[in-house]
PDB file of N, CA and C in Angstrom:
ATOM      1  N   MET A   1      15.741  91.815  24.810  1.00  0.00           N
ATOM      2  CA  MET A   1      14.601  91.372  25.238  1.00  0.00           C
ATOM      3  C   MET A   1      14.321  90.181  24.988  1.00  0.00           C
ATOM      4  N   THR A   2      14.019  89.312  25.721  1.00  0.00           N
ATOM      5  CA  THR A   2      13.723  88.157  26.030  1.00  0.00           C
ATOM      6  C   THR A   2      12.905  87.508  25.142  1.00  0.00           C
ATOM      7  N   MET A   3      12.476  86.072  24.612  1.00  0.00           N
ATOM      8  CA  MET A   3      11.331  85.709  24.117  1.00  0.00           C
ATOM      9  C   MET A   3       9.997  85.689  25.178  1.00  0.00           C
ATOM     10  N   LYS A   4      10.130  85.334  25.972  1.00  0.00           N
ATOM     11  CA  LYS A   4       8.858  85.372  26.969  1.00  0.00           C
ATOM     12  C   LYS A   4       8.739  86.825  27.484  1.00  0.00           C
ATOM     13  N   GLN A   5       9.631  87.875  27.546  1.00  0.00           N
ATOM     14  CA  GLN A   5       8.795  89.572  27.680  1.00  0.00           C
ATOM     15  C   GLN A   5       8.841  90.079  26.107  1.00  0.00           C
ATOM     16  N   SER A   6       8.749  89.833  25.473  1.00  0.00           N
ATOM     17  CA  SER A   6       8.155  90.031  23.970  1.00  0.00           C
ATOM     18  C   SER A   6       6.955  89.489  23.911  1.00  0.00           C
ATOM     19  N   ILE A   7       6.691  88.103  24.576  1.00  0.00           N
ATOM     20  CA  ILE A   7       5.192  87.528  24.660  1.00  0.00           C
ATOM     21  C   ILE A   7       4.386  87.815  25.597  1.00  0.00           C
ATOM     22  N   ASN A   8       5.136  88.403  26.673  1.00  0.00           N
ATOM     23  CA  ASN A   8       4.394  89.695  27.439  1.00  0.00           C
ATOM     24  C   ASN A   8       3.798  90.887  27.053  1.00  0.00           C
ATOM     25  N   ARG A   9       4.691  91.670  26.239  1.00  0.00           N
ATOM     26  CA  ARG A   9       4.207  92.877  25.887  1.00  0.00           C
ATOM     27  C   ARG A   9       3.268  92.709  24.610  1.00  0.00           C
ATOM     28  N   LEU A  10       3.444  91.749  23.707  1.00  0.00           N
ATOM     29  CA  LEU A  10       2.268  91.128  22.983  1.00  0.00           C
ATOM     30  C   LEU A  10       1.068  91.028  23.275  1.00  0.00           C
ATOM     31  N   ALA A  11       1.130  90.286  24.673  1.00  0.00           N
ATOM     32  CA  ALA A  11      -0.402  90.107  25.381  1.00  0.00           C
ATOM     33  C   ALA A  11      -0.927  91.459  26.048  1.00  0.00           C
ATOM     34  N   ILE A  12       0.240  92.135  26.907  1.00  0.00           N
ATOM     35  CA  ILE A  12      -0.591  93.507  27.571  1.00  0.00           C
ATOM     36  C   ILE A  12      -1.351  94.123  26.267  1.00  0.00           C
ATOM     37  N   ILE A  13      -0.220  94.017  24.878  1.00  0.00           N
ATOM     38  CA  ILE A  13      -0.761  95.279  24.039  1.00  0.00           C
ATOM     39  C   ILE A  13      -2.414  94.527  23.291  1.00  0.00           C
ATOM     40  N   GLY A  14      -2.302  93.543  23.152  1.00  0.00           N
ATOM     41  CA  GLY A  14      -3.477  92.592  22.839  1.00  0.00           C
ATOM     42  C   GLY A  14      -4.473  93.458  23.874  1.00  0.00           C
ATOM     43  N   ALA A  15      -4.402  92.964  24.999  1.00  0.00           N
ATOM     44  CA  ALA A  15      -5.342  93.070  25.796  1.00  0.00           C
ATOM     45  C   ALA A  15      -5.894  94.319  25.661  1.00  0.00           C
ATOM     46  N   ALA A  16      -5.071  95.613  25.706  1.00  0.00           N
ATOM     47  CA  ALA A  16      -5.183  96.718  25.781  1.00  0.00           C
ATOM     48  C   ALA A  16      -5.751  97.606  24.855  1.00  0.00           C
ATOM     49  N   GLY A  17      -5.723  96.831  23.531  1.00  0.00           N
ATOM     50  CA  GLY A  17      -6.514  96.929  22.541  1.00  0.00           C
ATOM     51  C   GLY A  17      -7.749  96.601  22.403  1.00  0.00           C
ATOM     52  N   ALA A  18      -8.161  95.487  22.317  1.00  0.00           N
ATOM     53  CA  ALA A  18      -9.394  94.936  22.902  1.00  0.00           C
ATOM     54  C   ALA A  18      -9.935  95.551  23.602  1.00  0.00           C
ATOM     55  N   LEU A  19      -9.519  96.169  24.346  1.00  0.00           N
ATOM     56  CA  LEU A  19     -10.151  96.947  25.801  1.00  0.00           C
ATOM     57  C   LEU A  19     -10.396  98.313  25.585  1.00  0.00           C
ATOM     58  N   ALA A  20      -9.423  98.530  24.991  1.00  0.00           N
ATOM     59  CA  ALA A  20      -9.811  99.889  24.006  1.00  0.00           C
ATOM     60  C   ALA A  20     -11.128  99.659  23.278  1.00  0.00           C
ATOM     61  N   LEU A  21     -11.031  99.016  21.819  1.00  0.00           N
ATOM     62  CA  LEU A  21     -12.016  98.779  21.391  1.00  0.00           C
ATOM     63  C   LEU A  21     -13.508  98.296  21.832  1.00  0.00           C
ATOM     64  N   THR A  22     -13.642  97.979  23.208  1.00  0.00           N
ATOM     65  CA  THR A  22     -14.915  98.081  23.726  1.00  0.00           C
ATOM     66  C   THR A  22     -15.386  99.238  24.270  1.00  0.00           C
ATOM     67  N   ALA A  23     -14.006  99.809  24.520  1.00  0.00           N
ATOM     68  CA  ALA A  23     -14.749 101.441  25.677  1.00  0.00           C
ATOM     69  C   ALA A  23     -14.955 102.173  23.704  1.00  0.00           C
ATOM     70  N   ALA A  24     -14.479 102.242  23.047  1.00  0.00           N
ATOM     71  CA  ALA A  24     -14.872 102.786  21.699  1.00  0.00           C
ATOM     72  C   ALA A  24     -16.335 102.622  21.142  1.00  0.00           C
ATOM     73  N   CYS A  25     -16.822 101.174  21.256  1.00  0.00           N
ATOM     74  CA  CYS A  25     -18.028 101.141  21.048  1.00  0.00           C
ATOM     75  C   CYS A  25     -18.855 101.542  21.888  1.00  0.00           C
ATOM     76  N   SER A  26     -18.617 102.390  22.857  1.00  0.00           N
ATOM     77  CA  SER A  26     -19.814 102.723  23.925  1.00  0.00           C
ATOM     78  C   SER A  26     -20.200 104.006  23.136  1.00  0.00           C
ATOM     79  N   GLY A  27     -19.921 104.755  22.208  1.00  0.00           N
ATOM     80  CA  GLY A  27     -20.449 105.818  21.512  1.00  0.00           C
ATOM     81  C   GLY A  27     -22.002 105.592  21.108  1.00  0.00           C
ATOM     82  N   SER A  28     -22.395 106.537  21.040  1.00  0.00           N
ATOM     83  CA  SER A  28     -23.727 106.382  20.255  1.00  0.00           C
ATOM     84  C   SER A  28     -23.921 106.099  18.822  1.00  0.00           C
ATOM     85  N   ASP A  29     -25.048 105.500  18.061  1.00  0.00           N
ATOM     86  CA  ASP A  29     -25.346 105.537  16.975  1.00  0.00           C
ATOM     87  C   ASP A  29     -25.260 107.215  16.182  1.00  0.00           C
ATOM     88  N   SER A  30     -24.079 107.058  14.901  1.00  0.00           N
ATOM     89  CA  SER A  30     -24.433 108.482  14.389  1.00  0.00           C
ATOM     90  C   SER A  30     -25.490 108.665  13.456  1.00  0.00           C
ATOM     91  N   GLN A  31     -26.227 107.258  13.182  1.00  0.00           N
ATOM     92  CA  GLN A  31     -27.138 107.579  12.057  1.00  0.00           C
ATOM     93  C   GLN A  31     -28.953 107.261  12.584  1.00  0.00           C
ATOM     94  N   GLY A  32     -28.283 107.570  14.190  1.00  0.00           N
ATOM     95  CA  GLY A  32     -29.788 107.747  14.769  1.00  0.00           C
ATOM     96  C   GLY A  32     -30.884 105.910  14.690  1.00  0.00           C
ATOM     97  N   ALA A  33     -30.099 105.020  13.858  1.00  0.00           N
ATOM     98  CA  ALA A  33     -31.156 103.713  13.736  1.00  0.00           C
ATOM     99  C   ALA A  33     -31.267 103.228  15.101  1.00  0.00           C
ATOM    100  N   ASP A  34     -32.396 101.806  15.275  1.00  0.00           N
ATOM    101  CA  ASP A  34     -32.225 101.532  16.911  1.00  0.00           C
ATOM    102  C   ASP A  34     -31.547 100.323  16.699  1.00  0.00           C
ATOM    103  N   THR A  35     -30.752 100.504  17.307  1.00  0.00           N
ATOM    104  CA  THR A  35     -29.468  99.455  17.384  1.00  0.00           C
ATOM    105  C   THR A  35     -29.905  98.752  18.520  1.00  0.00           C
ATOM    106  N   THR A  36     -30.712  99.178  19.270  1.00  0.00           N
ATOM    107  CA  THR A  36     -30.944  98.543  20.589  1.00  0.00           C
ATOM    108  C   THR A  36     -31.322  97.112  20.895  1.00  0.00           C
ATOM    109  N   LYS A  37     -31.401  96.382  19.834  1.00  0.00           N
ATOM    110  CA  LYS A  37     -32.177  94.816  20.070  1.00  0.00           C
ATOM    111  C   LYS A  37     -30.997  93.951  19.422  1.00  0.00           C
ATOM    112  N   LYS A  38     -30.034  94.647  18.740  1.00  0.00           N
ATOM    113  CA  LYS A  38     -28.673  93.824  17.785  1.00  0.00           C
ATOM    114  C   LYS A  38     -27.678  94.224  18.737  1.00  0.00           C
ATOM    115  N   PRO A  39     -26.689  93.473  19.014  1.00  0.00           N
ATOM    116  CA  PRO A  39     -25.458  92.697  20.133  1.00  0.00           C
ATOM    117  C   PRO A  39     -24.538  93.661  19.437  1.00  0.00           C
ATOM    118  N   LEU A  40     -23.336  94.334  20.054  1.00  0.00           N
ATOM    119  CA  LEU A  40     -22.280  94.557  19.634  1.00  0.00           C
ATOM    120  C   LEU A  40     -21.291  93.836  19.295  1.00  0.00           C
ATOM    121  N   GLN A  41     -20.573  93.612  18.019  1.00  0.00           N
ATOM    122  CA  GLN A  41     -19.858  92.164  17.045  1.00  0.00           C
ATOM    123  C   GLN A  41     -18.661  93.018  17.766  1.00  0.00           C
ATOM    124  N   ILE A  42     -18.066  92.346  18.014  1.00  0.00           N
ATOM    125  CA  ILE A  42     -16.228  92.554  18.308  1.00  0.00           C
ATOM    126  C   ILE A  42     -15.496  91.118  17.521  1.00  0.00           C
ATOM    127  N   PHE A  43     -14.672  91.877  16.937  1.00  0.00           N
ATOM    128  CA  PHE A  43     -13.820  90.400  15.998  1.00  0.00           C
ATOM    129  C   PHE A  43     -12.430  90.411  17.175  1.00  0.00           C
ATOM    130  N   MET A  44     -11.736  89.262  16.828  1.00  0.00           N
ATOM    131  CA  MET A  44     -10.831  89.212  17.767  1.00  0.00           C
ATOM    132  C   MET A  44      -9.632  88.478  17.054  1.00  0.00           C
ATOM    133  N   SER A  45      -8.487  88.998  16.023  1.00  0.00           N
ATOM    134  CA  SER A  45      -7.628  87.655  15.683  1.00  0.00           C
ATOM    135  C   SER A  45      -6.456  87.410  16.808  1.00  0.00           C
ATOM    136  N   ALA A  46      -6.573  86.404  17.133  1.00  0.00           N
ATOM    137  CA  ALA A  46      -5.676  86.310  18.308  1.00  0.00           C
ATOM    138  C   ALA A  46      -4.542  84.516  17.657  1.00  0.00           C
ATOM    139  N   GLY A  47      -3.465  84.838  18.040  1.00  0.00           N
ATOM    140  CA  GLY A  47      -2.924  83.591  18.317  1.00  0.00           C
ATOM    141  C   GLY A  47      -3.051  82.495  18.941  1.00  0.00           C
ATOM    142  N   VAL A  48      -4.332  82.015  18.518  1.00  0.00           N
ATOM    143  CA  VAL A  48      -4.612  80.933  19.805  1.00  0.00           C
ATOM    144  C   VAL A  48      -4.066  80.079  19.414  1.00  0.00           C
ATOM    145  N   THR A  49      -3.085  79.280  18.564  1.00  0.00           N
ATOM    146  CA  THR A  49      -2.317  78.380  18.196  1.00  0.00           C
ATOM    147  C   THR A  49      -1.091  78.885  17.889  1.00  0.00           C
ATOM    148  N   GLY A  50       0.235  78.203  17.799  1.00  0.00           N
ATOM    149  CA  GLY A  50       1.562  78.457  17.584  1.00  0.00           C
ATOM    150  C   GLY A  50       2.027  79.281  18.905  1.00  0.00           C
ATOM    151  N   LEU A  51       3.449  80.076  18.367  1.00  0.00           N
ATOM    152  CA  LEU A  51       4.256  80.721  19.376  1.00  0.00           C
ATOM    153  C   LEU A  51       3.776  81.444  20.330  1.00  0.00           C
ATOM    154  N   LEU A  52       2.696  81.861  20.086  1.00  0.00           N
ATOM    155  CA  LEU A  52       2.112  83.335  20.929  1.00  0.00           C
ATOM    156  C   LEU A  52       0.922  82.434  21.757  1.00  0.00           C
ATOM    157  N   ALA A  53       0.515  81.400  21.650  1.00  0.00           N
ATOM    158  CA  ALA A  53      -0.428  80.603  22.178  1.00  0.00           C
ATOM    159  C   ALA A  53      -1.321  80.893  23.626  1.00  0.00           C
ATOM    160  N   PRO A  54      -0.110  80.448  24.584  1.00  0.00           N
ATOM    161  CA  PRO A  54      -0.630  80.909  25.754  1.00  0.00           C
ATOM    162  C   PRO A  54      -0.647  82.135  26.176  1.00  0.00           C
ATOM    163  N   SER A  55      -0.059  83.078  26.241  1.00  0.00           N
ATOM    164  CA  SER A  55      -0.329  84.426  26.123  1.00  0.00           C
ATOM    165  C   SER A  55      -1.436  85.038  25.162  1.00  0.00           C
ATOM    166  N   GLN A  56      -2.075  84.885  24.037  1.00  0.00           N
ATOM    167  CA  GLN A  56      -3.053  85.431  23.662  1.00  0.00           C
ATOM    168  C   GLN A  56      -4.332  84.250  24.532  1.00  0.00           C
ATOM    169  N   LYS A  57      -4.360  83.216  24.014  1.00  0.00           N
ATOM    170  CA  LYS A  57      -5.338  82.407  25.340  1.00  0.00           C
ATOM    171  C   LYS A  57      -5.734  83.384  26.716  1.00  0.00           C
ATOM    172  N   ALA A  58      -4.209  83.739  27.218  1.00  0.00           N
ATOM    173  CA  ALA A  58      -4.618  84.264  28.284  1.00  0.00           C
ATOM    174  C   ALA A  58      -5.553  86.268  28.205  1.00  0.00           C
ATOM    175  N   VAL A  59      -5.209  86.274  27.105  1.00  0.00           N
ATOM    176  CA  VAL A  59      -5.637  87.973  26.879  1.00  0.00           C
ATOM    177  C   VAL A  59      -7.301  87.569  26.516  1.00  0.00           C
ATOM    178  N   GLU A  60      -7.582  86.845  25.408  1.00  0.00           N
ATOM    179  CA  GLU A  60      -8.785  86.191  25.174  1.00  0.00           C
ATOM    180  C   GLU A  60      -9.723  85.792  26.302  1.00  0.00           C
ATOM    181  N   ARG A  61      -9.090  84.847  27.666  1.00  0.00           N
ATOM    182  CA  ARG A  61     -10.111  84.775  28.787  1.00  0.00           C
ATOM    183  C   ARG A  61     -10.234  86.208  29.341  1.00  0.00           C
ATOM    184  N   GLY A  62      -9.447  87.519  29.386  1.00  0.00           N
ATOM    185  CA  GLY A  62      -9.371  88.498  30.175  1.00  0.00           C
ATOM    186  C   GLY A  62     -10.276  89.567  29.518  1.00  0.00           C
ATOM    187  N   VAL A  63     -10.676  89.371  27.802  1.00  0.00           N
ATOM    188  CA  VAL A  63     -11.239  89.987  26.957  1.00  0.00           C
ATOM    189  C   VAL A  63     -12.950  90.055  27.085  1.00  0.00           C
ATOM    190  N   ARG A  64     -12.916  88.031  27.561  1.00  0.00           N
ATOM    191  CA  ARG A  64     -14.121  87.468  27.854  1.00  0.00           C
ATOM    192  C   ARG A  64     -14.804  87.692  28.954  1.00  0.00           C
ATOM    193  N   ALA A  65     -13.835  88.242  30.069  1.00  0.00           N
ATOM    194  CA  ALA A  65     -14.197  88.234  30.996  1.00  0.00           C
ATOM    195  C   ALA A  65     -15.370  89.870  31.217  1.00  0.00           C
ATOM    196  N   LYS A  66     -14.300  90.412  30.921  1.00  0.00           N
ATOM    197  CA  LYS A  66     -14.719  91.998  30.435  1.00  0.00           C
ATOM    198  C   LYS A  66     -16.031  92.054  30.222  1.00  0.00           C
ATOM    199  N   ILE A  67     -16.029  91.374  29.067  1.00  0.00           N
ATOM    200  CA  ILE A  67     -17.354  91.560  28.128  1.00  0.00           C
ATOM    201  C   ILE A  67     -18.827  91.041  29.184  1.00  0.00           C
ATOM    202  N   GLU A  68     -18.525  89.812  29.903  1.00  0.00           N
ATOM    203  CA  GLU A  68     -18.853  89.142  30.811  1.00  0.00           C
ATOM    204  C   GLU A  68     -19.348  90.202  31.971  1.00  0.00           C
ATOM    205  N   THR A  69     -18.499  90.907  32.525  1.00  0.00           N
ATOM    206  CA  THR A  69     -18.802  91.989  32.874  1.00  0.00           C
ATOM    207  C   THR A  69     -19.827  92.873  32.520  1.00  0.00           C
ATOM    208  N   LEU A  70     -19.555  93.266  31.179  1.00  0.00           N
ATOM    209  CA  LEU A  70     -20.590  94.262  30.632  1.00  0.00           C
ATOM    210  C   LEU A  70     -21.636  94.460  30.481  1.00  0.00           C
ATOM    211  N   ASN A  71     -21.805  92.846  30.211  1.00  0.00           N
ATOM    212  CA  ASN A  71     -23.407  92.260  29.894  1.00  0.00           C
ATOM    213  C   ASN A  71     -24.097  92.587  30.719  1.00  0.00           C
ATOM    214  N   ALA A  72     -23.443  91.780  32.007  1.00  0.00           N
ATOM    215  CA  ALA A  72     -24.495  91.403  33.295  1.00  0.00           C
ATOM    216  C   ALA A  72     -24.463  92.747  33.805  1.00  0.00           C
ATOM    217  N   ALA A  73     -24.015  93.886  33.449  1.00  0.00           N
ATOM    218  CA  ALA A  73     -24.425  95.181  34.025  1.00  0.00           C
ATOM    219  C   ALA A  73     -25.051  95.949  32.830  1.00  0.00           C
ATOM    220  N   GLY A  74     -25.460  95.496  31.705  1.00  0.00           N
ATOM    221  CA  GLY A  74     -27.196  95.981  30.736  1.00  0.00           C
ATOM    222  C   GLY A  74     -26.387  95.741  29.786  1.00  0.00           C
ATOM    223  N   GLY A  75     -24.823  95.646  29.537  1.00  0.00           N
ATOM    224  CA  GLY A  75     -23.748  96.328  27.732  1.00  0.00           C
ATOM    225  C   GLY A  75     -23.457  97.405  27.550  1.00  0.00           C
ATOM    226  N   ILE A  76     -23.301  97.198  26.750  1.00  0.00           N
ATOM    227  CA  ILE A  76     -23.082  99.341  26.781  1.00  0.00           C
ATOM    228  C   ILE A  76     -24.230  99.733  25.607  1.00  0.00           C
ATOM    229  N   ASN A  77     -24.857 101.046  26.403  1.00  0.00           N
ATOM    230  CA  ASN A  77     -25.513 101.675  26.041  1.00  0.00           C
ATOM    231  C   ASN A  77     -26.907 100.901  25.699  1.00  0.00           C
ATOM    232  N   GLY A  78     -27.321  99.804  26.558  1.00  0.00           N
ATOM    233  CA  GLY A  78     -28.342  98.724  26.496  1.00  0.00           C
ATOM    234  C   GLY A  78     -28.082  97.590  25.441  1.00  0.00           C
ATOM    235  N   ARG A  79     -26.750  97.652  24.697  1.00  0.00           N
ATOM    236  CA  ARG A  79     -26.570  96.707  24.143  1.00  0.00           C
ATOM    237  C   ARG A  79     -25.910  95.195  24.694  1.00  0.00           C
ATOM    238  N   LYS A  80     -25.834  94.308  24.148  1.00  0.00           N
ATOM    239  CA  LYS A  80     -24.932  93.108  24.612  1.00  0.00           C
ATOM    240  C   LYS A  80     -23.778  92.832  23.599  1.00  0.00           C
ATOM    241  N   VAL A  81     -22.856  92.277  24.233  1.00  0.00           N
ATOM    242  CA  VAL A  81     -21.226  92.387  23.592  1.00  0.00           C
ATOM    243  C   VAL A  81     -21.006  90.875  23.106  1.00  0.00           C
ATOM    244  N   GLU A  82     -20.765  90.677  22.095  1.00  0.00           N
ATOM    245  CA  GLU A  82     -20.474  88.668  21.489  1.00  0.00           C
ATOM    246  C   GLU A  82     -18.928  89.327  20.681  1.00  0.00           C
ATOM    247  N   LEU A  83     -18.341  88.617  21.084  1.00  0.00           N
ATOM    248  CA  LEU A  83     -16.890  88.108  20.516  1.00  0.00           C
ATOM    249  C   LEU A  83     -16.894  86.768  20.159  1.00  0.00           C
ATOM    250  N   THR A  84     -16.283  87.222  18.991  1.00  0.00           N
ATOM    251  CA  THR A  84     -15.739  86.137  18.040  1.00  0.00           C
ATOM    252  C   THR A  84     -14.427  85.991  17.911  1.00  0.00           C
ATOM    253  N   VAL A  85     -13.755  85.068  18.069  1.00  0.00           N
ATOM    254  CA  VAL A  85     -12.252  85.096  17.909  1.00  0.00           C
ATOM    255  C   VAL A  85     -11.753  84.113  16.917  1.00  0.00           C
ATOM    256  N   ARG A  86     -10.951  84.608  16.013  1.00  0.00           N
ATOM    257  CA  ARG A  86     -10.385  83.483  14.828  1.00  0.00           C
ATOM    258  C   ARG A  86      -8.942  83.659  15.189  1.00  0.00           C
ATOM    259  N   ASP A  87      -8.080  81.866  15.052  1.00  0.00           N
ATOM    260  CA  ASP A  87      -7.123  82.433  15.281  1.00  0.00           C
ATOM    261  C   ASP A  87      -6.179  82.471  13.748  1.00  0.00           C
ATOM    262  N   ASN A  88      -5.009  83.195  14.086  1.00  0.00           N
ATOM    263  CA  ASN A  88      -4.216  84.000  13.023  1.00  0.00           C
ATOM    264  C   ASN A  88      -2.795  82.527  13.088  1.00  0.00           C
ATOM    265  N   GLN A  89      -2.783  81.880  14.093  1.00  0.00           N
ATOM    266  CA  GLN A  89      -2.253  80.785  14.460  1.00  0.00           C
ATOM    267  C   GLN A  89      -0.726  81.594  14.676  1.00  0.00           C
ATOM    268  N   SER A  90      -0.210  82.671  15.209  1.00  0.00           N
ATOM    269  CA  SER A  90       0.863  83.185  15.641  1.00  0.00           C
ATOM    270  C   SER A  90       1.498  84.025  14.340  1.00  0.00           C
ATOM    271  N   ASP A  91       0.617  84.192  13.733  1.00  0.00           N
ATOM    272  CA  ASP A  91       1.413  84.312  11.953  1.00  0.00           C
ATOM    273  C   ASP A  91       0.566  86.067  11.337  1.00  0.00           C
ATOM    274  N   PRO A  92       1.826  86.949  12.381  1.00  0.00           N
ATOM    275  CA  PRO A  92       0.825  88.524  11.809  1.00  0.00           C
ATOM    276  C   PRO A  92       0.262  88.517  10.321  1.00  0.00           C
ATOM    277  N   THR A  93       0.843  88.014   9.384  1.00  0.00           N
ATOM    278  CA  THR A  93       0.026  88.003   7.905  1.00  0.00           C
ATOM    279  C   THR A  93      -1.283  86.970   7.515  1.00  0.00           C
ATOM    280  N   ARG A  94      -1.318  86.554   8.542  1.00  0.00           N
ATOM    281  CA  ARG A  94      -2.661  85.656   8.951  1.00  0.00           C
ATOM    282  C   ARG A  94      -3.746  86.735   9.395  1.00  0.00           C
ATOM    283  N   GLY A  95      -2.878  87.531  10.075  1.00  0.00           N
ATOM    284  CA  GLY A  95      -4.170  88.639  11.265  1.00  0.00           C
ATOM    285  C   GLY A  95      -5.086  89.253  10.410  1.00  0.00           C
ATOM    286  N   VAL A  96      -4.246  89.625   9.137  1.00  0.00           N
ATOM    287  CA  VAL A  96      -4.960  90.150   7.825  1.00  0.00           C
ATOM    288  C   VAL A  96      -6.027  90.552   7.615  1.00  0.00           C
TER     289      VAL A  96
END
């Protein structure tokens, strides 16, 4: 497998994971607390710099586009979604 194929595969896995996380957040609050006023916080650790930067920036843009679409439609269960991205410098040990 070439380096470009590896990077593309990681980008696809990252995007799928982020979207799965967004879908997982759509469940109801099991504690019964009123969470409709607080936005859902999603954290994403991505290689904004380093070897994976080009593909990770594309993944981040895709996740942000999905969040914009969700928020324009009223959010998830009436709650807006906010994304926080932290740079792991394309180093898996920094993502932990």
